[in-house]
N, C-alpha and C. Protein backbone atom coordinates (compact mmCIF):
# COMPACT_ATOMS: atom_id res chain seq x y z
N MET A 1 8.28 16.33 -13.52
CA MET A 1 9.18 15.31 -14.03
C MET A 1 9.37 15.64 -15.55
N VAL A 2 10.65 15.62 -15.90
CA VAL A 2 11.07 15.88 -17.27
C VAL A 2 11.89 14.71 -17.74
N PHE A 3 11.61 14.26 -18.97
CA PHE A 3 12.36 13.13 -19.51
C PHE A 3 13.38 13.67 -20.52
N PHE A 4 14.65 13.04 -20.46
CA PHE A 4 15.70 13.49 -21.28
C PHE A 4 16.26 12.22 -22.06
N SER A 5 16.81 12.50 -23.26
CA SER A 5 17.34 11.39 -24.08
C SER A 5 18.76 11.08 -23.75
N SER A 6 19.44 11.93 -23.03
CA SER A 6 20.86 11.69 -22.66
C SER A 6 21.25 12.61 -21.53
N GLN A 7 22.41 12.32 -20.96
CA GLN A 7 22.96 13.18 -19.93
C GLN A 7 23.24 14.59 -20.45
N LYS A 8 23.73 14.64 -21.77
CA LYS A 8 24.01 15.94 -22.37
C LYS A 8 22.66 16.74 -22.50
N HIS A 9 21.62 16.05 -22.96
CA HIS A 9 20.29 16.70 -23.08
C HIS A 9 19.88 17.34 -21.75
N LEU A 10 20.05 16.57 -20.63
CA LEU A 10 19.72 17.08 -19.35
C LEU A 10 20.60 18.31 -19.01
N GLU A 11 21.90 18.23 -19.22
CA GLU A 11 22.76 19.32 -18.91
C GLU A 11 22.46 20.57 -19.74
N ASP A 12 22.16 20.42 -21.01
CA ASP A 12 21.76 21.51 -21.89
C ASP A 12 20.48 22.16 -21.36
N TRP A 13 19.50 21.34 -21.06
CA TRP A 13 18.21 21.83 -20.52
C TRP A 13 18.40 22.60 -19.24
N ALA A 14 19.19 22.08 -18.32
CA ALA A 14 19.44 22.67 -17.00
C ALA A 14 20.08 24.04 -17.19
N LYS A 15 21.06 24.14 -18.04
CA LYS A 15 21.74 25.45 -18.32
C LYS A 15 20.76 26.43 -18.90
N SER A 16 19.94 26.03 -19.82
CA SER A 16 19.05 26.98 -20.45
C SER A 16 17.84 27.33 -19.60
N ASN A 17 17.61 26.58 -18.56
CA ASN A 17 16.44 26.85 -17.69
C ASN A 17 16.83 27.28 -16.29
N SER A 18 18.13 27.49 -16.07
CA SER A 18 18.66 27.94 -14.72
C SER A 18 18.13 27.05 -13.60
N ILE A 19 18.16 25.75 -13.84
CA ILE A 19 17.66 24.80 -12.84
C ILE A 19 18.86 24.17 -12.16
N GLY A 20 18.79 24.12 -10.82
CA GLY A 20 19.81 23.42 -10.01
C GLY A 20 19.24 22.44 -9.16
N GLY A 21 20.03 21.48 -8.70
CA GLY A 21 19.51 20.48 -7.78
C GLY A 21 18.74 19.37 -8.49
N GLY A 22 18.15 18.50 -7.70
CA GLY A 22 17.38 17.39 -8.32
C GLY A 22 18.34 16.24 -8.61
N GLU A 23 17.74 15.19 -9.20
CA GLU A 23 18.48 14.04 -9.56
C GLU A 23 18.00 13.54 -10.91
N ALA A 24 18.91 12.83 -11.63
CA ALA A 24 18.54 12.22 -12.90
C ALA A 24 18.60 10.72 -12.71
N LEU A 25 17.52 10.04 -13.07
CA LEU A 25 17.37 8.59 -12.95
C LEU A 25 17.20 7.94 -14.28
N THR A 26 17.68 6.72 -14.36
CA THR A 26 17.35 5.94 -15.54
C THR A 26 15.92 5.39 -15.40
N ILE A 27 15.40 4.82 -16.46
CA ILE A 27 14.06 4.21 -16.36
C ILE A 27 14.09 3.08 -15.34
N GLU A 28 15.12 2.30 -15.38
CA GLU A 28 15.21 1.13 -14.45
C GLU A 28 15.28 1.59 -13.00
N GLN A 29 16.04 2.71 -12.70
CA GLN A 29 16.10 3.22 -11.37
C GLN A 29 14.70 3.74 -10.91
N THR A 30 14.05 4.39 -11.86
CA THR A 30 12.72 4.93 -11.54
C THR A 30 11.74 3.80 -11.15
N LEU A 31 11.80 2.70 -11.88
CA LEU A 31 10.93 1.56 -11.60
C LEU A 31 11.24 0.98 -10.21
N LYS A 32 12.55 0.80 -9.94
CA LYS A 32 12.91 0.24 -8.64
C LYS A 32 12.60 1.18 -7.54
N LEU A 33 12.71 2.47 -7.75
CA LEU A 33 12.40 3.45 -6.71
C LEU A 33 11.00 3.32 -6.17
N GLY A 34 10.04 3.04 -7.00
CA GLY A 34 8.63 3.01 -6.58
C GLY A 34 8.17 1.70 -6.00
N ILE A 35 8.95 0.69 -6.02
CA ILE A 35 8.48 -0.65 -5.54
C ILE A 35 7.85 -0.62 -4.16
N PRO A 36 8.51 -0.13 -3.15
CA PRO A 36 7.90 -0.18 -1.80
C PRO A 36 6.66 0.69 -1.67
N PHE A 37 6.50 1.67 -2.57
CA PHE A 37 5.37 2.57 -2.43
C PHE A 37 4.11 2.08 -3.21
N TYR A 38 4.37 1.36 -4.28
CA TYR A 38 3.27 1.02 -5.19
C TYR A 38 3.01 -0.52 -5.33
N LEU A 39 3.92 -1.36 -4.92
CA LEU A 39 3.73 -2.79 -5.17
C LEU A 39 2.43 -3.33 -4.51
N THR A 40 2.11 -2.89 -3.33
CA THR A 40 0.92 -3.34 -2.60
C THR A 40 -0.03 -2.19 -2.32
N LYS A 41 0.06 -1.14 -3.05
CA LYS A 41 -0.76 0.05 -2.85
C LYS A 41 -2.27 -0.22 -2.87
N MET A 42 -2.66 -1.20 -3.67
CA MET A 42 -4.14 -1.50 -3.79
C MET A 42 -4.64 -2.44 -2.73
N ASN A 43 -3.77 -2.94 -1.88
CA ASN A 43 -4.26 -3.78 -0.76
C ASN A 43 -5.00 -2.94 0.21
N LEU A 44 -6.02 -3.52 0.80
CA LEU A 44 -6.84 -2.80 1.76
C LEU A 44 -6.02 -2.40 3.01
N ASP A 45 -5.06 -3.25 3.32
CA ASP A 45 -4.26 -2.99 4.61
C ASP A 45 -2.96 -2.28 4.25
N TYR A 46 -2.86 -1.63 3.10
CA TYR A 46 -1.63 -0.92 2.71
C TYR A 46 -1.23 0.13 3.70
N ALA A 47 0.08 0.11 4.01
CA ALA A 47 0.61 1.17 4.89
C ALA A 47 1.84 1.72 4.19
N ARG A 48 1.93 2.99 4.09
CA ARG A 48 3.07 3.65 3.42
C ARG A 48 4.32 3.27 4.23
N PRO A 49 5.42 3.05 3.61
CA PRO A 49 6.65 2.75 4.29
C PRO A 49 7.09 3.86 5.22
N SER A 50 7.68 3.52 6.34
CA SER A 50 8.18 4.56 7.30
C SER A 50 9.32 5.35 6.67
N ARG A 51 9.66 6.42 7.27
CA ARG A 51 10.80 7.17 6.85
C ARG A 51 12.06 6.37 6.84
N GLU A 52 12.26 5.59 7.90
CA GLU A 52 13.43 4.71 8.04
C GLU A 52 13.50 3.69 6.89
N GLU A 53 12.32 3.08 6.61
CA GLU A 53 12.24 2.10 5.50
C GLU A 53 12.51 2.77 4.13
N THR A 54 11.99 3.95 3.99
CA THR A 54 12.21 4.64 2.73
C THR A 54 13.64 5.04 2.56
N LEU A 55 14.30 5.54 3.60
CA LEU A 55 15.75 5.92 3.45
C LEU A 55 16.56 4.66 3.22
N ALA A 56 16.22 3.53 3.86
CA ALA A 56 16.91 2.27 3.63
C ALA A 56 16.78 1.81 2.15
N HIS A 57 15.57 2.00 1.63
CA HIS A 57 15.37 1.64 0.21
C HIS A 57 16.19 2.53 -0.67
N PHE A 58 16.19 3.85 -0.46
CA PHE A 58 17.00 4.74 -1.27
C PHE A 58 18.48 4.32 -1.23
N LYS A 59 18.93 4.00 -0.03
CA LYS A 59 20.34 3.63 0.17
C LYS A 59 20.64 2.36 -0.59
N SER A 60 19.74 1.34 -0.58
CA SER A 60 19.93 0.12 -1.29
C SER A 60 20.06 0.31 -2.83
N LEU A 61 19.49 1.37 -3.29
CA LEU A 61 19.60 1.69 -4.68
C LEU A 61 20.77 2.57 -5.04
N GLY A 62 21.55 2.99 -4.01
CA GLY A 62 22.71 3.85 -4.19
C GLY A 62 22.39 5.31 -4.15
N PHE A 63 21.18 5.65 -3.74
CA PHE A 63 20.79 7.06 -3.65
C PHE A 63 21.06 7.52 -2.24
N THR A 64 22.24 8.19 -2.07
CA THR A 64 22.69 8.57 -0.74
C THR A 64 23.03 10.07 -0.59
N GLY A 65 22.90 10.84 -1.63
CA GLY A 65 23.22 12.23 -1.58
C GLY A 65 22.18 13.08 -0.82
N PRO A 66 22.45 14.32 -0.69
CA PRO A 66 21.48 15.21 0.15
C PRO A 66 20.09 15.21 -0.38
N PHE A 67 19.91 15.07 -1.69
CA PHE A 67 18.58 15.03 -2.31
C PHE A 67 17.68 13.94 -1.72
N TRP A 68 18.36 12.86 -1.30
CA TRP A 68 17.54 11.65 -0.83
C TRP A 68 17.34 11.63 0.65
N LYS A 69 17.75 12.62 1.40
CA LYS A 69 17.56 12.73 2.83
C LYS A 69 16.25 13.41 3.11
N ILE A 70 15.16 12.65 3.09
CA ILE A 70 13.81 13.23 3.29
C ILE A 70 13.59 13.57 4.74
């Protein structure tokens, strides 16, 4: 994971490092992304969300591109 100060910073870094693919998220998106995975992670009866639940969560956040099709 790499943190960037702006979209331009990300674009400049990607060009200079020959990196393709991936996604750029805001801090708010990153926090929302982890909710179903970490909100109850410390519960003894914790169960990781299913693939279908995970994809539905991604879709609810607007993450629908090829990167999010696990």
